[in-house]
Amino acid sequence: MDPAPASAADINHFRKERIEKLPILMELRKAIADTTAYKEADPEAVVAYYRVRFKPALARSEDYEKLIIKMQARFIEQGRGNPQIESRRRPASE
């Protein structure tokens, strides 16, 4: 079973619902995305962004922490200003 939205209308509905239900998290993601550290792909700033991004997606805190630890290790390994990190970053409005 594919959990992805089935259509453009579905993804638009999902995004609208997320903005309405989680406005504080959306504002926090935007605030992080607007920092110089995030724009320069500082690993800690990128991890902070993804902490907020994935928190509502994973119900079990242990799964969430495992994901964050793996992502953090990879971002630190790749280093600040790495084009691979920068190409994955998206605006907080998504």
Protein backbone atom coordinates (compact mmCIF):
# COMPACT_ATOMS: atom_id res chain seq x y z
CA MET A 1 0.00 0.00 0.00
CA ASP A 2 1.40 3.38 -1.02
CA PRO A 3 0.76 6.10 1.61
CA ALA A 4 1.42 8.91 -0.88
CA PRO A 5 -1.47 11.15 -1.94
CA ALA A 6 -3.24 9.85 -5.04
CA SER A 7 -3.64 13.18 -6.81
CA ALA A 8 -2.64 16.83 -6.85
CA ALA A 9 -5.95 17.63 -5.13
CA ASP A 10 -5.10 15.13 -2.38
CA ILE A 11 -1.67 16.66 -1.74
CA ASN A 12 -3.18 20.16 -1.71
CA HIS A 13 -5.78 18.99 0.81
CA PHE A 14 -3.05 17.35 2.92
CA ARG A 15 -0.93 20.52 2.93
CA LYS A 16 -3.90 22.75 3.78
CA GLU A 17 -4.94 20.44 6.61
CA ARG A 18 -1.40 20.33 7.99
CA ILE A 19 -1.16 24.13 7.96
CA GLU A 20 -4.51 24.44 9.74
CA LYS A 21 -3.80 21.76 12.36
CA LEU A 22 -0.13 22.46 13.00
CA PRO A 23 0.39 26.23 12.54
CA ILE A 24 3.00 26.52 15.30
CA LEU A 25 5.12 23.79 13.76
CA MET A 26 4.81 25.39 10.32
CA GLU A 27 5.93 28.74 11.74
CA LEU A 28 8.85 27.09 13.51
CA ARG A 29 9.95 25.34 10.30
CA LYS A 30 9.77 28.63 8.43
CA ALA A 31 11.78 30.40 11.14
CA ILE A 32 14.49 27.71 10.95
CA ALA A 33 14.49 27.79 7.14
CA ASP A 34 15.00 31.56 7.22
CA THR A 35 18.21 31.34 9.28
CA THR A 36 21.65 31.78 7.75
CA ALA A 37 22.77 28.50 9.29
CA TYR A 38 19.99 26.58 7.51
CA LYS A 39 20.59 28.38 4.22
CA GLU A 40 24.27 27.43 4.45
CA ALA A 41 23.27 23.80 5.19
CA ASP A 42 24.71 23.77 8.70
CA PRO A 43 24.07 20.18 9.84
CA GLU A 44 22.61 21.21 13.21
CA ALA A 45 20.21 23.68 11.58
CA VAL A 46 19.14 21.10 9.00
CA VAL A 47 18.53 18.54 11.76
CA ALA A 48 16.49 21.12 13.71
CA TYR A 49 14.34 21.69 10.63
CA TYR A 50 13.76 17.97 10.10
CA ARG A 51 13.00 17.44 13.80
CA VAL A 52 10.05 19.76 13.36
CA ARG A 53 9.19 18.34 9.93
CA PHE A 54 8.92 14.70 10.99
CA LYS A 55 7.60 15.04 14.55
CA PRO A 56 3.91 14.81 13.57
CA ALA A 57 4.58 12.01 11.06
CA LEU A 58 5.82 9.38 13.48
CA ALA A 59 3.57 8.28 16.30
CA ARG A 60 6.20 6.36 18.27
CA SER A 61 8.86 8.56 19.83
CA GLU A 62 11.48 5.81 19.56
CA ASP A 63 11.01 5.68 15.76
CA TYR A 64 11.27 9.45 15.60
CA GLU A 65 14.49 9.52 17.61
CA LYS A 66 16.04 6.73 15.52
CA LEU A 67 15.28 8.67 12.35
CA ILE A 68 16.69 11.92 13.72
CA ILE A 69 19.88 10.23 14.96
CA LYS A 70 20.49 8.65 11.54
CA MET A 71 19.79 11.89 9.72
CA GLN A 72 21.98 13.90 12.08
CA ALA A 73 24.92 11.53 11.62
CA ARG A 74 24.58 11.72 7.85
CA PHE A 75 24.29 15.52 7.76
CA ILE A 76 27.35 15.89 9.99
CA GLU A 77 29.25 13.45 7.78
CA GLN A 78 28.33 15.43 4.67
CA GLY A 79 29.29 18.70 6.32
CA ARG A 80 28.25 22.34 6.16
CA GLY A 81 27.53 23.85 2.76
CA ASN A 82 27.29 20.46 1.09
CA PRO A 83 25.33 20.66 -2.19
CA GLN A 84 23.67 17.30 -1.45
CA ILE A 85 22.09 18.73 1.69
CA GLU A 86 21.20 22.01 0.03
CA SER A 87 19.46 20.26 -2.88
CA ARG A 88 17.18 18.40 -0.46
CA ARG A 89 16.06 21.47 1.42
CA ARG A 90 12.63 22.76 0.56
CA PRO A 91 10.73 25.84 1.68
CA ALA A 92 8.80 25.47 4.94
CA SER A 93 5.52 26.15 3.11
CA GLU A 94 5.50 22.67 1.58
